[in-house]
Amino acid sequence: MYAEAAQASDRVEQQFREIGPGADELGRMFGANRFHTVLTCARGSSDHAATYAKYLIETELGVPVASFAPSIASVYQARQRLEGVLFLVISQSGESPDLLAAAEHAKKYGASVAALVNNTSSPLADGADIVIPMGAGPELSVAATKSFICSLCAIARIVEAGANNTKLSAALPALPSALSRAWLCDWSEAIEPLSSATNLFVISRGLGLSIACEAALKLKETCALHAEGYSAAEVKHGPMAIASDGFPVLAFAPSDKTGLGFDALIEEFSSRGVICMVAGLNLANALHLPSVDAGAHQLTPIVQILSFYRFANALSCRRGLNPDAPPFLKKITETR
């Protein structure tokens, strides 16, 4: 896990050299208003990447994005009206039976199928209309790290190709360098508060919700820590009722408009005795986790999650676990 996460900046740099044709084609299709809707289809970490795609596509391209439940195709085999829909499947292996069934179903009912996939010789890639190479290289760790980051970067590159956002366009080429700096961020002060924790909230908002959910998953997988990812808005609708003395909260502060009021939320948590650890904001009532400037707010979650991966690996070891061998899990999960 540690070695593969450390490769993220190099893999993204290579991805940017290779992704152009597919990303540019999709960008042109968005620019020509080919799609009235995007449906994403993914599992696990890839589904968290789809959450990032939802916020980025909707805010930059103005096209509604929804999550497709694979069982609609693989189990229910329901008829659908999918003309004018981009069906975006995100998968590392490109082999899961339910995702393959969903892609075939989408194409049958009129959608254009795009596969963001690490294995470009997989059945998923073979059946797609457009293939976007993830470019993460071999990933042996059960806990996906560089493949998740490469997924986010590919999505950012696709959206940049269809959007008219000069700041995003200027920041993307420098993202590998920002990732290199993010890997060096020291979050070790947060290890002690979580070394014996049993529960945790991970919060963010907007584009950052994707990494809150991803971080919570990684803490379950590698640290045997019951962590739940929430929107900073959603956590106030019930969940924060259980957060009081000694309950820990890990927060990824957004660097866009969704970050407004984030400091007030942390203050509210802190006033109840909650242990708050915050990346992206330096607050007097919280443990500060250093975060690098990605050059554009759309890329902030990408650099923050890489800093987290290094931390999660260290926390797993501190808790006496092996981050490379989570119990009861395997690298490729086949569901139907």
Protein backbone atom coordinates (compact mmCIF):
# COMPACT_ATOMS: atom_id res chain seq x y z
CA MET A 1 0.00 0.00 0.00
CA TYR A 2 2.73 2.44 0.98
CA ALA A 3 4.85 1.77 -2.10
CA GLU A 4 1.93 2.01 -4.51
CA ALA A 5 0.53 5.21 -3.02
CA ALA A 6 4.02 6.70 -3.28
CA GLN A 7 3.89 6.11 -7.06
CA ALA A 8 0.80 8.28 -7.53
CA SER A 9 2.53 11.42 -8.80
CA ASP A 10 4.59 9.47 -11.36
CA ARG A 11 1.56 7.52 -12.56
CA VAL A 12 -0.50 10.70 -12.97
CA GLU A 13 2.31 12.35 -14.91
CA GLN A 14 2.38 9.39 -17.28
CA GLN A 15 -1.41 9.29 -17.49
CA PHE A 16 -1.51 12.91 -18.63
CA ARG A 17 0.86 12.02 -21.47
CA GLU A 18 -1.39 9.19 -22.66
CA ILE A 19 -4.97 10.15 -21.87
CA GLY A 20 -5.36 12.94 -24.42
CA PRO A 21 -7.31 11.28 -27.29
CA GLY A 22 -10.05 9.70 -25.17
CA ALA A 23 -10.36 12.63 -22.79
CA ASP A 24 -10.47 15.15 -25.62
CA GLU A 25 -13.11 13.11 -27.48
CA LEU A 26 -15.36 13.01 -24.44
CA GLY A 27 -14.76 16.70 -23.79
CA ARG A 28 -15.82 17.56 -27.34
CA MET A 29 -18.95 15.46 -26.93
CA PHE A 30 -19.86 17.37 -23.78
CA GLY A 31 -19.15 20.64 -25.58
CA ALA A 32 -21.49 19.59 -28.41
CA ASN A 33 -24.28 18.82 -25.91
CA ARG A 34 -24.32 15.14 -26.84
CA PHE A 35 -25.46 14.09 -23.37
CA HIS A 36 -28.40 15.30 -21.32
CA THR A 37 -27.46 13.01 -18.41
CA VAL A 38 -24.48 11.05 -17.11
CA LEU A 39 -24.97 7.77 -15.27
CA THR A 40 -22.00 6.47 -13.31
CA CYS A 41 -21.55 2.81 -12.52
CA ALA A 42 -18.91 1.59 -10.06
CA ARG A 43 -18.23 -0.21 -6.80
CA GLY A 44 -16.05 0.55 -3.77
CA SER A 45 -13.33 3.15 -4.23
CA SER A 46 -14.33 3.56 -7.87
CA ASP A 47 -17.81 4.60 -6.73
CA HIS A 48 -16.21 7.28 -4.57
CA ALA A 49 -14.42 8.48 -7.71
CA ALA A 50 -17.86 8.60 -9.34
CA THR A 51 -19.00 10.95 -6.56
CA TYR A 52 -16.14 13.26 -7.51
CA ALA A 53 -17.26 12.99 -11.14
CA LYS A 54 -20.79 13.97 -10.16
CA TYR A 55 -19.77 17.20 -8.48
CA LEU A 56 -17.17 18.14 -11.10
CA ILE A 57 -19.36 17.43 -14.15
CA GLU A 58 -22.39 19.15 -12.67
CA THR A 59 -20.49 22.27 -11.59
CA GLU A 60 -18.24 22.63 -14.64
CA LEU A 61 -20.31 21.18 -17.49
CA GLY A 62 -23.88 21.62 -16.25
CA VAL A 63 -24.94 18.04 -16.98
CA PRO A 64 -26.88 16.14 -14.28
CA VAL A 65 -25.10 13.03 -12.96
CA ALA A 66 -26.68 10.09 -11.15
CA SER A 67 -25.45 6.76 -9.85
CA PHE A 68 -26.67 3.63 -11.66
CA ALA A 69 -27.34 0.57 -9.49
CA PRO A 70 -25.75 -2.41 -11.28
CA SER A 71 -28.50 -4.75 -10.05
CA ILE A 72 -30.98 -2.89 -12.27
CA ALA A 73 -29.25 -4.66 -15.15
CA SER A 74 -27.65 -7.76 -13.63
CA VAL A 75 -30.58 -8.86 -11.44
CA TYR A 76 -33.74 -6.98 -12.44
CA GLN A 77 -32.92 -6.74 -16.17
CA ALA A 78 -35.26 -3.76 -16.36
CA ARG A 79 -36.02 -1.94 -19.60
CA GLN A 80 -34.74 1.63 -19.65
CA ARG A 81 -34.73 4.73 -21.86
CA LEU A 82 -31.07 5.71 -22.11
CA GLU A 83 -30.78 7.61 -25.40
CA GLY A 84 -28.64 10.73 -24.94
CA VAL A 85 -27.04 9.30 -21.79
CA LEU A 86 -23.33 8.88 -21.15
CA PHE A 87 -22.87 5.68 -19.15
CA LEU A 88 -19.55 6.08 -17.33
CA VAL A 89 -18.18 2.85 -15.84
CA ILE A 90 -15.20 3.16 -13.50
CA SER A 91 -13.28 0.00 -12.71
CA GLN A 92 -9.73 -1.04 -12.04
CA SER A 93 -10.00 -4.61 -13.32
CA GLY A 94 -12.80 -4.22 -15.87
CA GLU A 95 -13.90 -7.76 -15.01
CA SER A 96 -16.67 -7.60 -12.40
CA PRO A 97 -19.74 -9.41 -13.79
CA ASP A 98 -22.27 -6.87 -12.55
CA LEU A 99 -20.42 -3.94 -14.13
CA LEU A 100 -20.08 -5.83 -17.41
CA ALA A 101 -23.80 -6.62 -17.38
CA ALA A 102 -24.60 -2.97 -16.64
CA ALA A 103 -22.44 -1.71 -19.52
CA GLU A 104 -24.02 -4.18 -21.94
CA HIS A 105 -27.47 -3.20 -20.68
CA ALA A 106 -26.75 0.51 -21.11
CA LYS A 107 -25.54 0.05 -24.67
CA LYS A 108 -28.57 -2.09 -25.52
CA TYR A 109 -30.92 0.68 -24.44
CA GLY A 110 -29.18 3.50 -26.29
CA ALA A 111 -26.49 4.92 -24.01
CA SER A 112 -22.93 5.77 -25.03
CA VAL A 113 -20.63 3.69 -22.81
CA ALA A 114 -17.33 5.11 -21.60
CA ALA A 115 -14.98 2.93 -19.57
CA LEU A 116 -12.46 4.51 -17.22
CA VAL A 117 -10.44 1.37 -16.60
CA ASN A 118 -6.96 0.38 -15.50
CA ASN A 119 -6.91 -2.87 -17.48
CA THR A 120 -7.46 -1.66 -21.04
CA SER A 121 -7.48 -5.23 -22.40
CA SER A 122 -10.37 -6.21 -20.13
CA PRO A 123 -13.89 -7.24 -21.23
CA LEU A 124 -15.19 -3.87 -20.05
CA ALA A 125 -12.78 -1.98 -22.28
CA ASP A 126 -13.52 -4.29 -25.22
CA GLY A 127 -17.24 -3.51 -25.04
CA ALA A 128 -17.04 0.25 -24.45
CA ASP A 129 -17.57 2.97 -27.04
CA ILE A 130 -14.85 5.12 -25.48
CA VAL A 131 -11.97 3.84 -23.36
CA ILE A 132 -10.16 6.14 -20.94
CA PRO A 133 -6.96 4.51 -19.63
CA MET A 134 -6.63 4.94 -15.88
CA GLY A 135 -2.88 4.45 -16.22
CA ALA A 136 -2.25 3.42 -12.61
CA GLY A 137 -0.08 0.45 -13.53
CA PRO A 138 -0.24 -2.84 -11.60
CA GLU A 139 -1.79 -2.42 -8.17
CA LEU A 140 -1.38 -5.41 -5.83
CA SER A 141 -2.53 -3.86 -2.58
CA VAL A 142 -6.09 -4.79 -1.65
CA ALA A 143 -6.60 -1.20 -0.56
CA ALA A 144 -6.74 0.85 -3.77
CA THR A 145 -4.64 4.02 -3.63
CA LYS A 146 -2.93 5.10 -6.84
CA SER A 147 -5.81 3.72 -8.94
CA PHE A 148 -8.26 5.93 -7.03
CA ILE A 149 -6.06 8.99 -7.49
CA CYS A 150 -5.59 8.21 -11.18
CA SER A 151 -9.37 7.90 -11.52
CA LEU A 152 -9.88 11.37 -10.04
CA CYS A 153 -7.17 12.83 -12.26
CA ALA A 154 -8.65 11.26 -15.38
CA ILE A 155 -12.07 12.66 -14.51
CA ALA A 156 -10.54 16.11 -13.98
CA ARG A 157 -8.78 15.86 -17.35
CA ILE A 158 -12.01 14.84 -19.15
CA VAL A 159 -13.97 17.68 -17.60
CA GLU A 160 -11.21 20.18 -18.31
CA ALA A 161 -11.38 19.18 -21.99
CA GLY A 162 -15.07 20.10 -22.13
CA ALA A 163 -15.10 23.11 -19.82
CA ASN A 164 -13.96 26.68 -20.25
CA ASN A 165 -12.08 27.05 -16.98
CA THR A 166 -8.69 28.66 -17.40
CA LYS A 167 -7.68 28.17 -13.76
CA LEU A 168 -8.34 24.44 -13.92
CA SER A 169 -6.53 24.18 -17.24
CA ALA A 170 -3.51 25.96 -15.79
CA ALA A 171 -3.41 23.88 -12.61
CA LEU A 172 -3.74 20.40 -14.15
CA PRO A 173 -0.22 20.14 -15.66
CA ALA A 174 1.27 20.97 -12.25
CA LEU A 175 -0.79 18.35 -10.43
CA PRO A 176 1.95 15.66 -10.41
CA SER A 177 4.26 18.11 -8.65
CA ALA A 178 1.54 18.97 -6.13
CA LEU A 179 1.03 15.26 -5.49
CA SER A 180 4.75 14.83 -4.82
CA ARG A 181 4.53 17.54 -2.16
CA ALA A 182 1.31 16.08 -0.75
CA TRP A 183 3.00 12.72 -0.20
CA LEU A 184 5.48 14.42 2.15
CA CYS A 185 2.81 16.00 4.37
CA ASP A 186 3.23 14.81 7.96
CA TRP A 187 -0.01 13.78 9.66
CA SER A 188 1.70 11.75 12.38
CA GLU A 189 0.21 13.87 15.18
CA ALA A 190 -3.18 12.34 14.36
CA ILE A 191 -1.94 8.77 14.93
CA GLU A 192 -2.08 8.87 18.73
CA PRO A 193 -5.70 10.15 18.95
CA LEU A 194 -6.80 7.32 16.63
CA SER A 195 -4.50 4.55 17.86
CA SER A 196 -7.22 3.06 20.06
CA ALA A 197 -10.36 4.65 18.57
CA THR A 198 -13.32 2.44 17.69
CA ASN A 199 -15.50 4.95 15.80
CA LEU A 200 -14.87 7.98 13.64
CA PHE A 201 -16.67 10.48 11.42
CA VAL A 202 -14.90 11.62 8.24
CA ILE A 203 -16.46 14.77 6.86
CA SER A 204 -16.14 17.11 3.91
CA ARG A 205 -18.52 18.61 1.39
CA GLY A 206 -19.00 19.09 -2.35
CA LEU A 207 -16.05 17.73 -4.31
CA GLY A 208 -14.49 16.66 -1.02
CA LEU A 209 -17.33 14.26 -0.17
CA SER A 210 -15.71 11.70 -2.46
CA ILE A 211 -12.55 11.57 -0.36
CA ALA A 212 -14.44 11.59 2.94
CA CYS A 213 -16.17 8.39 1.86
CA GLU A 214 -12.94 6.98 0.45
CA ALA A 215 -11.00 7.71 3.64
CA ALA A 216 -13.71 6.08 5.75
CA LEU A 217 -13.52 2.95 3.59
CA LYS A 218 -9.73 2.79 3.88
CA LEU A 219 -9.90 3.13 7.67
CA LYS A 220 -12.31 0.20 7.79
CA GLU A 221 -10.15 -1.89 5.46
CA THR A 222 -6.70 -1.21 6.83
CA CYS A 223 -7.23 -0.04 10.41
CA ALA A 224 -10.28 -2.04 11.57
CA LEU A 225 -11.78 1.32 12.53
CA HIS A 226 -15.51 1.86 12.15
CA ALA A 227 -15.45 5.10 10.14
CA GLU A 228 -18.33 6.76 8.33
CA GLY A 229 -18.02 9.43 5.65
CA TYR A 230 -20.51 12.30 5.70
CA SER A 231 -21.20 15.60 4.05
CA ALA A 232 -20.57 18.47 6.46
CA ALA A 233 -24.22 19.40 5.85
CA GLU A 234 -25.62 15.87 6.18
CA VAL A 235 -23.80 15.09 9.43
CA LYS A 236 -26.00 17.63 11.19
CA HIS A 237 -29.15 15.73 10.17
CA GLY A 238 -28.86 13.15 12.91
CA PRO A 239 -25.39 11.55 12.94
CA MET A 240 -23.68 14.23 15.02
CA ALA A 241 -26.00 13.36 17.93
CA ILE A 242 -23.59 10.54 18.87
CA ALA A 243 -20.47 12.73 18.71
CA SER A 244 -19.45 13.93 22.15
CA ASP A 245 -16.57 13.58 24.63
CA GLY A 246 -13.61 11.83 23.02
CA PHE A 247 -15.37 11.01 19.74
CA PRO A 248 -12.93 11.72 16.88
CA VAL A 249 -13.70 13.59 13.65
CA LEU A 250 -11.38 13.73 10.66
CA ALA A 251 -12.28 16.63 8.36
CA PHE A 252 -11.16 17.51 4.84
CA ALA A 253 -11.91 21.22 4.52
CA PRO A 254 -12.98 22.17 0.98
CA SER A 255 -11.23 25.10 -0.68
CA ASP A 256 -14.33 26.29 -2.56
CA LYS A 257 -17.67 27.81 -1.52
CA THR A 258 -18.72 24.63 0.30
CA GLY A 259 -16.02 25.43 2.84
CA LEU A 260 -18.02 28.41 4.13
CA GLY A 261 -19.10 27.64 7.67
CA PHE A 262 -16.73 24.69 7.97
CA ASP A 263 -14.89 26.40 10.82
CA ALA A 264 -18.20 26.91 12.65
CA LEU A 265 -19.02 23.22 12.33
CA ILE A 266 -15.63 22.26 13.77
CA GLU A 267 -16.18 24.74 16.59
CA GLU A 268 -19.54 23.10 17.35
CA PHE A 269 -17.96 19.66 17.41
CA SER A 270 -15.08 20.89 19.56
CA SER A 271 -17.42 22.52 22.09
CA ARG A 272 -18.89 19.07 22.76
CA GLY A 273 -15.50 17.51 23.50
CA VAL A 274 -15.04 15.99 20.06
CA ILE A 275 -11.43 15.45 18.97
CA CYS A 276 -11.18 17.29 15.62
CA MET A 277 -8.42 16.77 13.07
CA VAL A 278 -8.64 19.03 10.03
CA ALA A 279 -6.83 19.10 6.70
CA GLY A 280 -7.03 22.36 4.78
CA LEU A 281 -7.81 24.73 7.65
CA ASN A 282 -5.62 25.77 10.58
CA LEU A 283 -8.06 26.22 13.46
CA ALA A 284 -7.26 26.93 17.10
CA ASN A 285 -9.67 24.24 18.32
CA ALA A 286 -8.49 21.42 16.06
CA LEU A 287 -5.38 19.44 15.22
CA HIS A 288 -4.02 20.85 11.96
CA LEU A 289 -3.13 18.37 9.21
CA PRO A 290 -0.96 20.07 6.58
CA SER A 291 -2.32 20.24 3.03
CA VAL A 292 -0.72 21.52 -0.17
CA ASP A 293 -2.16 24.05 -2.61
CA ALA A 294 -3.25 22.23 -5.78
CA GLY A 295 -3.67 25.46 -7.75
CA ALA A 296 -7.43 25.02 -8.30
CA HIS A 297 -10.13 24.10 -5.80
CA GLN A 298 -11.32 21.27 -8.06
CA LEU A 299 -8.04 19.46 -7.45
CA THR A 300 -7.82 19.93 -3.68
CA PRO A 301 -9.43 16.54 -2.87
CA ILE A 302 -6.83 14.76 -5.00
CA VAL A 303 -3.84 16.06 -3.06
CA GLN A 304 -5.58 15.68 0.30
CA ILE A 305 -6.40 12.00 -0.20
CA LEU A 306 -2.79 11.17 -1.06
CA SER A 307 -1.61 12.72 2.21
CA PHE A 308 -4.28 10.64 3.95
CA TYR A 309 -3.10 7.38 2.34
CA ARG A 310 0.36 7.76 3.85
CA PHE A 311 -1.25 8.45 7.21
CA ALA A 312 -3.65 5.47 6.97
CA ASN A 313 -0.78 3.10 6.27
CA ALA A 314 1.09 4.36 9.35
CA LEU A 315 -2.05 4.21 11.52
CA SER A 316 -2.70 0.62 10.47
CA CYS A 317 0.79 -0.38 11.54
CA ARG A 318 0.41 1.51 14.83
CA ARG A 319 -2.78 -0.42 15.55
CA GLY A 320 -0.86 -3.67 15.09
CA LEU A 321 -2.35 -4.53 11.70
CA ASN A 322 -0.96 -5.29 8.26
CA PRO A 323 -2.38 -2.73 5.77
CA ASP A 324 -1.50 -5.08 2.90
CA ALA A 325 -3.54 -7.99 4.21
CA PRO A 326 -7.02 -6.84 5.33
CA PRO A 327 -8.99 -9.82 6.69
CA PHE A 328 -11.71 -11.38 4.53
CA LEU A 329 -10.94 -9.19 1.49
CA LYS A 330 -9.34 -9.78 -1.90
CA LYS A 331 -8.17 -7.47 -4.66
CA ILE A 332 -10.81 -8.21 -7.29
CA THR A 333 -14.36 -8.57 -6.02
CA GLU A 334 -16.81 -10.26 -8.38
CA THR A 335 -20.46 -9.46 -7.70
CA ARG A 336 -23.58 -10.07 -9.76
